[in-house]
Amino acid sequence: MGNGRFLYSFRDSWKAQAEDNSFMDRQRRSDSY
């Protein structure tokens, strides 16, 4: 960044799929998507 600090980002494919499945499980128990 401009202030001299650094940003580091990561994406875990397995955790992304697990969060997506968790969202879908909550939507299936609700009345609307």
PDB file of all heavy atoms in Angstrom:
ATOM      1  N   MET A   1       0.829  -1.198   0.000  1.00  0.00           N
ATOM      2  CA  MET A   1       0.000   0.000   0.000  1.00  0.00           C
ATOM      3  C   MET A   1       0.868   1.254   0.000  1.00  0.00           C
ATOM      4  O   MET A   1       2.091   1.202   0.156  1.00  0.00           O
ATOM      5  CB  MET A   1      -0.939  -0.016   1.210  1.00  0.00           C
ATOM      6  CG  MET A   1      -1.925  -1.175   1.191  1.00  0.00           C
ATOM      7  SD  MET A   1      -3.146  -1.051   2.516  1.00  0.00           S
ATOM      8  CE  MET A   1      -2.102  -1.244   3.963  1.00  0.00           C
ATOM      9  N   GLY A   2       0.211   2.396  -0.149  1.00  0.00           N
ATOM     10  CA  GLY A   2       0.937   3.650  -0.216  1.00  0.00           C
ATOM     11  C   GLY A   2       1.600   4.041   1.093  1.00  0.00           C
ATOM     12  O   GLY A   2       2.609   4.761   1.088  1.00  0.00           O
ATOM     13  N   ASN A   3       1.084   3.598   2.227  1.00  0.00           N
ATOM     14  CA  ASN A   3       1.684   3.937   3.517  1.00  0.00           C
ATOM     15  C   ASN A   3       2.856   3.035   3.892  1.00  0.00           C
ATOM     16  O   ASN A   3       3.371   3.129   5.019  1.00  0.00           O
ATOM     17  CB  ASN A   3       0.628   3.898   4.618  1.00  0.00           C
ATOM     18  CG  ASN A   3      -0.075   2.542   4.709  1.00  0.00           C
ATOM     19  OD1 ASN A   3       0.269   1.608   3.970  1.00  0.00           O
ATOM     20  ND2 ASN A   3      -1.059   2.455   5.579  1.00  0.00           N
ATOM     21  N   GLY A   4       3.263   2.156   3.001  1.00  0.00           N
ATOM     22  CA  GLY A   4       4.391   1.274   3.268  1.00  0.00           C
ATOM     23  C   GLY A   4       4.025  -0.062   3.861  1.00  0.00           C
ATOM     24  O   GLY A   4       4.900  -0.939   3.994  1.00  0.00           O
ATOM     25  N   ARG A   5       2.771  -0.273   4.215  1.00  0.00           N
ATOM     26  CA  ARG A   5       2.338  -1.551   4.754  1.00  0.00           C
ATOM     27  C   ARG A   5       1.936  -2.503   3.632  1.00  0.00           C
ATOM     28  O   ARG A   5       1.774  -2.108   2.481  1.00  0.00           O
ATOM     29  CB  ARG A   5       1.182  -1.345   5.729  1.00  0.00           C
ATOM     30  CG  ARG A   5       1.580  -0.555   6.980  1.00  0.00           C
ATOM     31  CD  ARG A   5       0.416  -0.401   7.932  1.00  0.00           C
ATOM     32  NE  ARG A   5       0.808   0.332   9.129  1.00  0.00           N
ATOM     33  CZ  ARG A   5      -0.021   0.616  10.127  1.00  0.00           C
ATOM     34  NH1 ARG A   5      -1.302   0.224  10.068  1.00  0.00           N
ATOM     35  NH2 ARG A   5       0.416   1.292  11.182  1.00  0.00           N
ATOM     36  N   PHE A   6       1.751  -3.768   3.996  1.00  0.00           N
ATOM     37  CA  PHE A   6       1.488  -4.812   3.007  1.00  0.00           C
ATOM     38  C   PHE A   6       0.173  -5.510   3.343  1.00  0.00           C
ATOM     39  O   PHE A   6      -0.202  -5.635   4.519  1.00  0.00           O
ATOM     40  CB  PHE A   6       2.622  -5.841   2.990  1.00  0.00           C
ATOM     41  CG  PHE A   6       3.954  -5.277   2.561  1.00  0.00           C
ATOM     42  CD1 PHE A   6       4.793  -4.682   3.491  1.00  0.00           C
ATOM     43  CD2 PHE A   6       4.344  -5.335   1.234  1.00  0.00           C
ATOM     44  CE1 PHE A   6       6.012  -4.165   3.105  1.00  0.00           C
ATOM     45  CE2 PHE A   6       5.564  -4.817   0.841  1.00  0.00           C
ATOM     46  CZ  PHE A   6       6.408  -4.229   1.780  1.00  0.00           C
ATOM     47  N   LEU A   7      -0.502  -5.953   2.286  1.00  0.00           N
ATOM     48  CA  LEU A   7      -1.708  -6.759   2.413  1.00  0.00           C
ATOM     49  C   LEU A   7      -1.443  -8.130   1.799  1.00  0.00           C
ATOM     50  O   LEU A   7      -0.840  -8.235   0.723  1.00  0.00           O
ATOM     51  CB  LEU A   7      -2.892  -6.096   1.709  1.00  0.00           C
ATOM     52  CG  LEU A   7      -3.412  -4.784   2.289  1.00  0.00           C
ATOM     53  CD1 LEU A   7      -4.576  -4.264   1.452  1.00  0.00           C
ATOM     54  CD2 LEU A   7      -3.835  -4.958   3.739  1.00  0.00           C
ATOM     55  N   TYR A   8      -1.903  -9.165   2.468  1.00  0.00           N
ATOM     56  CA  TYR A   8      -1.746 -10.549   2.019  1.00  0.00           C
ATOM     57  C   TYR A   8      -3.131 -11.201   2.060  1.00  0.00           C
ATOM     58  O   TYR A   8      -3.778 -11.215   3.117  1.00  0.00           O
ATOM     59  CB  TYR A   8      -0.789 -11.329   2.912  1.00  0.00           C
ATOM     60  CG  TYR A   8       0.577 -10.681   3.085  1.00  0.00           C
ATOM     61  CD1 TYR A   8       0.803  -9.765   4.110  1.00  0.00           C
ATOM     62  CD2 TYR A   8       1.617 -10.986   2.228  1.00  0.00           C
ATOM     63  CE1 TYR A   8       2.041  -9.180   4.279  1.00  0.00           C
ATOM     64  CE2 TYR A   8       2.870 -10.397   2.377  1.00  0.00           C
ATOM     65  CZ  TYR A   8       3.068  -9.487   3.414  1.00  0.00           C
ATOM     66  OH  TYR A   8       4.300  -8.895   3.563  1.00  0.00           O
ATOM     67  N   SER A   9      -3.584 -11.711   0.939  1.00  0.00           N
ATOM     68  CA  SER A   9      -4.906 -12.339   0.867  1.00  0.00           C
ATOM     69  C   SER A   9      -4.758 -13.799   0.463  1.00  0.00           C
ATOM     70  O   SER A   9      -3.860 -14.163  -0.317  1.00  0.00           O
ATOM     71  CB  SER A   9      -5.805 -11.607  -0.132  1.00  0.00           C
ATOM     72  OG  SER A   9      -5.245 -11.646  -1.436  1.00  0.00           O
ATOM     73  N   PHE A  10      -5.671 -14.637   0.982  1.00  0.00           N
ATOM     74  CA  PHE A  10      -5.653 -16.082   0.718  1.00  0.00           C
ATOM     75  C   PHE A  10      -7.092 -16.560   0.541  1.00  0.00           C
ATOM     76  O   PHE A  10      -8.032 -16.016   1.138  1.00  0.00           O
ATOM     77  CB  PHE A  10      -5.001 -16.843   1.882  1.00  0.00           C
ATOM     78  CG  PHE A  10      -3.609 -16.385   2.203  1.00  0.00           C
ATOM     79  CD1 PHE A  10      -3.388 -15.386   3.147  1.00  0.00           C
ATOM     80  CD2 PHE A  10      -2.515 -16.947   1.567  1.00  0.00           C
ATOM     81  CE1 PHE A  10      -2.115 -14.957   3.449  1.00  0.00           C
ATOM     82  CE2 PHE A  10      -1.234 -16.519   1.859  1.00  0.00           C
ATOM     83  CZ  PHE A  10      -1.035 -15.519   2.805  1.00  0.00           C
ATOM     84  N   ARG A  11      -7.247 -17.578  -0.301  1.00  0.00           N
ATOM     85  CA  ARG A  11      -8.555 -18.199  -0.522  1.00  0.00           C
ATOM     86  C   ARG A  11      -8.371 -19.718  -0.489  1.00  0.00           C
ATOM     87  O   ARG A  11      -7.615 -20.271  -1.296  1.00  0.00           O
ATOM     88  CB  ARG A  11      -9.162 -17.769  -1.848  1.00  0.00           C
ATOM     89  CG  ARG A  11     -10.531 -18.398  -2.137  1.00  0.00           C
ATOM     90  CD  ARG A  11     -11.029 -18.032  -3.516  1.00  0.00           C
ATOM     91  NE  ARG A  11     -12.315 -18.655  -3.807  1.00  0.00           N
ATOM     92  CZ  ARG A  11     -13.503 -18.089  -3.543  1.00  0.00           C
ATOM     93  NH1 ARG A  11     -13.535 -16.878  -3.012  1.00  0.00           N
ATOM     94  NH2 ARG A  11     -14.619 -18.716  -3.826  1.00  0.00           N
ATOM     95  N   ASP A  12      -9.051 -20.343   0.445  1.00  0.00           N
ATOM     96  CA  ASP A  12      -9.008 -21.790   0.597  1.00  0.00           C
ATOM     97  C   ASP A  12     -10.218 -22.368  -0.133  1.00  0.00           C
ATOM     98  O   ASP A  12     -11.373 -22.070   0.213  1.00  0.00           O
ATOM     99  CB  ASP A  12      -9.046 -22.167   2.076  1.00  0.00           C
ATOM    100  CG  ASP A  12      -8.756 -23.642   2.314  1.00  0.00           C
ATOM    101  OD1 ASP A  12      -9.070 -24.456   1.427  1.00  0.00           O
ATOM    102  OD2 ASP A  12      -8.234 -23.990   3.384  1.00  0.00           O
ATOM    103  N   SER A  13      -9.982 -23.198  -1.148  1.00  0.00           N
ATOM    104  CA  SER A  13     -11.077 -23.746  -1.949  1.00  0.00           C
ATOM    105  C   SER A  13     -12.000 -24.625  -1.117  1.00  0.00           C
ATOM    106  O   SER A  13     -13.225 -24.605  -1.290  1.00  0.00           O
ATOM    107  CB  SER A  13     -10.509 -24.535  -3.133  1.00  0.00           C
ATOM    108  OG  SER A  13      -9.716 -23.715  -3.956  1.00  0.00           O
ATOM    109  N   TRP A  14     -11.422 -25.387  -0.208  1.00  0.00           N
ATOM    110  CA  TRP A  14     -12.259 -26.288   0.604  1.00  0.00           C
ATOM    111  C   TRP A  14     -13.142 -25.481   1.550  1.00  0.00           C
ATOM    112  O   TRP A  14     -14.333 -25.767   1.699  1.00  0.00           O
ATOM    113  CB  TRP A  14     -11.361 -27.235   1.402  1.00  0.00           C
ATOM    114  CG  TRP A  14     -12.123 -28.266   2.163  1.00  0.00           C
ATOM    115  CD1 TRP A  14     -12.560 -29.471   1.719  1.00  0.00           C
ATOM    116  CD2 TRP A  14     -12.565 -28.146   3.520  1.00  0.00           C
ATOM    117  NE1 TRP A  14     -13.244 -30.127   2.712  1.00  0.00           N
ATOM    118  CE2 TRP A  14     -13.262 -29.340   3.833  1.00  0.00           C
ATOM    119  CE3 TRP A  14     -12.456 -27.166   4.501  1.00  0.00           C
ATOM    120  CZ2 TRP A  14     -13.833 -29.566   5.083  1.00  0.00           C
ATOM    121  CZ3 TRP A  14     -13.022 -27.376   5.752  1.00  0.00           C
ATOM    122  CH2 TRP A  14     -13.694 -28.567   6.033  1.00  0.00           C
ATOM    123  N   LYS A  15     -12.587 -24.439   2.196  1.00  0.00           N
ATOM    124  CA  LYS A  15     -13.391 -23.620   3.105  1.00  0.00           C
ATOM    125  C   LYS A  15     -14.439 -22.821   2.340  1.00  0.00           C
ATOM    126  O   LYS A  15     -15.546 -22.585   2.850  1.00  0.00           O
ATOM    127  CB  LYS A  15     -12.487 -22.680   3.890  1.00  0.00           C
ATOM    128  CG  LYS A  15     -11.616 -23.387   4.918  1.00  0.00           C
ATOM    129  CD  LYS A  15     -10.813 -22.384   5.727  1.00  0.00           C
ATOM    130  CE  LYS A  15      -9.978 -23.090   6.789  1.00  0.00           C
ATOM    131  NZ  LYS A  15      -9.180 -22.125   7.609  1.00  0.00           N
ATOM    132  N   ALA A  16     -14.105 -22.384   1.124  1.00  0.00           N
ATOM    133  CA  ALA A  16     -15.085 -21.658   0.321  1.00  0.00           C
ATOM    134  C   ALA A  16     -16.285 -22.544  -0.002  1.00  0.00           C
ATOM    135  O   ALA A  16     -17.440 -22.107   0.088  1.00  0.00           O
ATOM    136  CB  ALA A  16     -14.427 -21.143  -0.960  1.00  0.00           C
ATOM    137  N   GLN A  17     -16.025 -23.798  -0.348  1.00  0.00           N
ATOM    138  CA  GLN A  17     -17.118 -24.717  -0.638  1.00  0.00           C
ATOM    139  C   GLN A  17     -17.930 -25.025   0.616  1.00  0.00           C
ATOM    140  O   GLN A  17     -19.158 -25.153   0.567  1.00  0.00           O
ATOM    141  CB  GLN A  17     -16.563 -26.008  -1.249  1.00  0.00           C
ATOM    142  CG  GLN A  17     -17.622 -26.988  -1.719  1.00  0.00           C
ATOM    143  CD  GLN A  17     -18.466 -26.418  -2.838  1.00  0.00           C
ATOM    144  OE1 GLN A  17     -17.954 -25.706  -3.701  1.00  0.00           O
ATOM    145  NE2 GLN A  17     -19.762 -26.705  -2.826  1.00  0.00           N
ATOM    146  N   ALA A  18     -17.234 -25.116   1.768  1.00  0.00           N
ATOM    147  CA  ALA A  18     -17.944 -25.393   3.016  1.00  0.00           C
ATOM    148  C   ALA A  18     -18.856 -24.226   3.394  1.00  0.00           C
ATOM    149  O   ALA A  18     -19.993 -24.432   3.844  1.00  0.00           O
ATOM    150  CB  ALA A  18     -16.933 -25.654   4.134  1.00  0.00           C
ATOM    151  N   GLU A  19     -18.406 -22.981   3.213  1.00  0.00           N
ATOM    152  CA  GLU A  19     -19.254 -21.823   3.507  1.00  0.00           C
ATOM    153  C   GLU A  19     -20.422 -21.739   2.534  1.00  0.00           C
ATOM    154  O   GLU A  19     -21.537 -21.360   2.922  1.00  0.00           O
ATOM    155  CB  GLU A  19     -18.418 -20.549   3.448  1.00  0.00           C
ATOM    156  CG  GLU A  19     -17.401 -20.416   4.569  1.00  0.00           C
ATOM    157  CD  GLU A  19     -16.731 -19.054   4.567  1.00  0.00           C
ATOM    158  OE1 GLU A  19     -17.389 -18.072   4.188  1.00  0.00           O
ATOM    159  OE2 GLU A  19     -15.550 -18.975   4.938  1.00  0.00           O
ATOM    160  N   ASP A  20     -20.178 -22.075   1.281  1.00  0.00           N
ATOM    161  CA  ASP A  20     -21.269 -22.079   0.297  1.00  0.00           C
ATOM    162  C   ASP A  20     -22.321 -23.118   0.659  1.00  0.00           C
ATOM    163  O   ASP A  20     -23.534 -22.860   0.580  1.00  0.00           O
ATOM    164  CB  ASP A  20     -20.699 -22.333  -1.101  1.00  0.00           C
ATOM    165  CG  ASP A  20     -21.731 -22.119  -2.191  1.00  0.00           C
ATOM    166  OD1 ASP A  20     -22.515 -23.057  -2.446  1.00  0.00           O
ATOM    167  OD2 ASP A  20     -21.762 -21.011  -2.763  1.00  0.00           O
ATOM    168  N   ASN A  21     -21.870 -24.305   1.077  1.00  0.00           N
ATOM    169  CA  ASN A  21     -22.825 -25.342   1.474  1.00  0.00           C
ATOM    170  C   ASN A  21     -23.599 -24.936   2.717  1.00  0.00           C
ATOM    171  O   ASN A  21     -24.794 -25.238   2.849  1.00  0.00           O
ATOM    172  CB  ASN A  21     -22.085 -26.650   1.732  1.00  0.00           C
ATOM    173  CG  ASN A  21     -21.471 -27.223   0.478  1.00  0.00           C
ATOM    174  OD1 ASN A  21     -21.897 -26.904  -0.641  1.00  0.00           O
ATOM    175  ND2 ASN A  21     -20.469 -28.063   0.635  1.00  0.00           N
ATOM    176  N   SER A  22     -22.922 -24.249   3.631  1.00  0.00           N
ATOM    177  CA  SER A  22     -23.608 -23.792   4.836  1.00  0.00           C
ATOM    178  C   SER A  22     -24.691 -22.773   4.498  1.00  0.00           C
ATOM    179  O   SER A  22     -25.790 -22.798   5.080  1.00  0.00           O
ATOM    180  CB  SER A  22     -22.589 -23.189   5.808  1.00  0.00           C
ATOM    181  OG  SER A  22     -23.220 -22.688   6.963  1.00  0.00           O
ATOM    182  N   PHE A  23     -24.388 -21.871   3.559  1.00  0.00           N
ATOM    183  CA  PHE A  23     -25.399 -20.892   3.136  1.00  0.00           C
ATOM    184  C   PHE A  23     -26.589 -21.595   2.503  1.00  0.00           C
ATOM    185  O   PHE A  23     -27.753 -21.246   2.762  1.00  0.00           O
ATOM    186  CB  PHE A  23     -24.765 -19.885   2.165  1.00  0.00           C
ATOM    187  CG  PHE A  23     -25.731 -18.909   1.586  1.00  0.00           C
ATOM    188  CD1 PHE A  23     -26.092 -17.769   2.291  1.00  0.00           C
ATOM    189  CD2 PHE A  23     -26.291 -19.127   0.332  1.00  0.00           C
ATOM    190  CE1 PHE A  23     -27.001 -16.870   1.758  1.00  0.00           C
ATOM    191  CE2 PHE A  23     -27.193 -18.234  -0.204  1.00  0.00           C
ATOM    192  CZ  PHE A  23     -27.554 -17.092   0.506  1.00  0.00           C
ATOM    193  N   MET A  24     -26.327 -22.578   1.661  1.00  0.00           N
ATOM    194  CA  MET A  24     -27.418 -23.290   1.001  1.00  0.00           C
ATOM    195  C   MET A  24     -28.265 -24.076   2.005  1.00  0.00           C
ATOM    196  O   MET A  24     -29.493 -24.164   1.857  1.00  0.00           O
ATOM    197  CB  MET A  24     -26.845 -24.233  -0.066  1.00  0.00           C
ATOM    198  CG  MET A  24     -26.230 -23.523  -1.262  1.00  0.00           C
ATOM    199  SD  MET A  24     -27.419 -22.443  -2.104  1.00  0.00           S
ATOM    200  CE  MET A  24     -28.690 -23.600  -2.549  1.00  0.00           C
ATOM    201  N   ASP A  25     -27.640 -24.636   3.023  1.00  0.00           N
ATOM    202  CA  ASP A  25     -28.426 -25.356   4.038  1.00  0.00           C
ATOM    203  C   ASP A  25     -29.350 -24.405   4.790  1.00  0.00           C
ATOM    204  O   ASP A  25     -30.497 -24.763   5.111  1.00  0.00           O
ATOM    205  CB  ASP A  25     -27.476 -26.044   5.014  1.00  0.00           C
ATOM    206  CG  ASP A  25     -26.721 -27.192   4.373  1.00  0.00           C
ATOM    207  OD1 ASP A  25     -27.191 -27.685   3.324  1.00  0.00           O
ATOM    208  OD2 ASP A  25     -25.655 -27.568   4.897  1.00  0.00           O
ATOM    209  N   ARG A  26     -28.888 -23.179   5.066  1.00  0.00           N
ATOM    210  CA  ARG A  26     -29.753 -22.215   5.735  1.00  0.00           C
ATOM    211  C   ARG A  26     -30.903 -21.776   4.823  1.00  0.00           C
ATOM    212  O   ARG A  26     -32.024 -21.557   5.283  1.00  0.00           O
ATOM    213  CB  ARG A  26     -28.937 -20.993   6.167  1.00  0.00           C
ATOM    214  CG  ARG A  26     -27.945 -21.283   7.290  1.00  0.00           C
ATOM    215  CD  ARG A  26     -27.418 -19.980   7.899  1.00  0.00           C
ATOM    216  NE  ARG A  26     -26.792 -19.114   6.914  1.00  0.00           N
ATOM    217  CZ  ARG A  26     -25.503 -19.131   6.606  1.00  0.00           C
ATOM    218  NH1 ARG A  26     -24.690 -20.004   7.211  1.00  0.00           N
ATOM    219  NH2 ARG A  26     -25.005 -18.309   5.702  1.00  0.00           N
ATOM    220  N   GLN A  27     -30.611 -21.630   3.529  1.00  0.00           N
ATOM    221  CA  GLN A  27     -31.655 -21.217   2.594  1.00  0.00           C
ATOM    222  C   GLN A  27     -32.705 -22.301   2.424  1.00  0.00           C
ATOM    223  O   GLN A  27     -33.899 -22.001   2.251  1.00  0.00           O
ATOM    224  CB  GLN A  27     -31.031 -20.863   1.227  1.00  0.00           C
ATOM    225  CG  GLN A  27     -30.114 -19.647   1.268  1.00  0.00           C
ATOM    226  CD  GLN A  27     -30.842 -18.391   1.708  1.00  0.00           C
ATOM    227  OE1 GLN A  27     -31.915 -18.070   1.202  1.00  0.00           O
ATOM    228  NE2 GLN A  27     -30.271 -17.681   2.671  1.00  0.00           N
ATOM    229  N   ARG A  28     -32.299 -23.565   2.465  1.00  0.00           N
ATOM    230  CA  ARG A  28     -33.285 -24.633   2.315  1.00  0.00           C
ATOM    231  C   ARG A  28     -34.247 -24.702   3.487  1.00  0.00           C
ATOM    232  O   ARG A  28     -35.383 -25.147   3.346  1.00  0.00           O
ATOM    233  CB  ARG A  28     -32.563 -25.977   2.158  1.00  0.00           C
ATOM    234  CG  ARG A  28     -31.863 -26.155   0.821  1.00  0.00           C
ATOM    235  CD  ARG A  28     -31.402 -27.582   0.648  1.00  0.00           C
ATOM    236  NE  ARG A  28     -30.511 -27.996   1.731  1.00  0.00           N
ATOM    237  CZ  ARG A  28     -30.158 -29.270   1.950  1.00  0.00           C
ATOM    238  NH1 ARG A  28     -30.633 -30.221   1.174  1.00  0.00           N
ATOM    239  NH2 ARG A  28     -29.342 -29.551   2.943  1.00  0.00           N
ATOM    240  N   ARG A  29     -33.769 -24.271   4.664  1.00  0.00           N
ATOM    241  CA  ARG A  29     -34.651 -24.286   5.834  1.00  0.00           C
ATOM    242  C   ARG A  29     -35.525 -23.035   5.928  1.00  0.00           C
ATOM    243  O   ARG A  29     -36.425 -22.963   6.764  1.00  0.00           O
ATOM    244  CB  ARG A  29     -33.810 -24.415   7.103  1.00  0.00           C
ATOM    245  CG  ARG A  29     -33.114 -25.757   7.249  1.00  0.00           C
ATOM    246  CD  ARG A  29     -32.510 -25.911   8.630  1.00  0.00           C
ATOM    247  NE  ARG A  29     -31.420 -24.968   8.861  1.00  0.00           N
ATOM    248  CZ  ARG A  29     -30.135 -25.234   8.639  1.00  0.00           C
ATOM    249  NH1 ARG A  29     -29.782 -26.420   8.154  1.00  0.00           N
ATOM    250  NH2 ARG A  29     -29.207 -24.328   8.873  1.00  0.00           N
ATOM    251  N   SER A  30     -35.233 -22.023   5.085  1.00  0.00           N
ATOM    252  CA  SER A  30     -36.025 -20.794   5.096  1.00  0.00           C
ATOM    253  C   SER A  30     -37.132 -20.864   4.039  1.00  0.00           C
ATOM    254  O   SER A  30     -37.199 -21.793   3.234  1.00  0.00           O
ATOM    255  CB  SER A  30     -35.128 -19.580   4.851  1.00  0.00           C
ATOM    256  OG  SER A  30     -34.523 -19.660   3.580  1.00  0.00           O
ATOM    257  N   ASP A  31     -37.963 -19.833   4.042  1.00  0.00           N
ATOM    258  CA  ASP A  31     -39.096 -19.812   3.103  1.00  0.00           C
ATOM    259  C   ASP A  31     -38.717 -19.275   1.732  1.00  0.00           C
ATOM    260  O   ASP A  31     -39.376 -19.586   0.735  1.00  0.00           O
ATOM    261  CB  ASP A  31     -40.223 -18.956   3.698  1.00  0.00           C
ATOM    262  CG  ASP A  31     -40.750 -19.539   4.992  1.00  0.00           C
ATOM    263  OD1 ASP A  31     -40.635 -20.777   5.164  1.00  0.00           O
ATOM    264  OD2 ASP A  31     -41.265 -18.759   5.829  1.00  0.00           O
ATOM    265  N   SER A  32     -37.687 -18.422   1.626  1.00  0.00           N
ATOM    266  CA  SER A  32     -37.334 -17.810   0.354  1.00  0.00           C
ATOM    267  C   SER A  32     -35.813 -17.817   0.190  1.00  0.00           C
ATOM    268  O   SER A  32     -35.066 -17.971   1.159  1.00  0.00           O
ATOM    269  CB  SER A  32     -37.863 -16.369   0.272  1.00  0.00           C
ATOM    270  OG  SER A  32     -37.302 -15.592   1.316  1.00  0.00           O
ATOM    271  N   TYR A  33     -35.385 -17.633  -1.023  1.00  0.00           N
ATOM    272  CA  TYR A  33     -33.961 -17.623  -1.352  1.00  0.00           C
ATOM    273  C   TYR A  33     -33.467 -16.178  -1.402  1.00  0.00           C
ATOM    274  O   TYR A  33     -34.013 -15.350  -2.139  1.00  0.00           O
ATOM    275  CB  TYR A  33     -33.736 -18.309  -2.702  1.00  0.00           C
ATOM    276  CG  TYR A  33     -32.294 -18.308  -3.153  1.00  0.00           C
ATOM    277  CD1 TYR A  33     -31.360 -19.154  -2.571  1.00  0.00           C
ATOM    278  CD2 TYR A  33     -31.876 -17.438  -4.167  1.00  0.00           C
ATOM    279  CE1 TYR A  33     -30.039 -19.144  -2.997  1.00  0.00           C
ATOM    280  CE2 TYR A  33     -30.554 -17.426  -4.594  1.00  0.00           C
ATOM    281  CZ  TYR A  33     -29.639 -18.283  -3.995  1.00  0.00           C
ATOM    282  OH  TYR A  33     -28.332 -18.270  -4.408  1.00  0.00           O
TER     283      TYR A  33
END
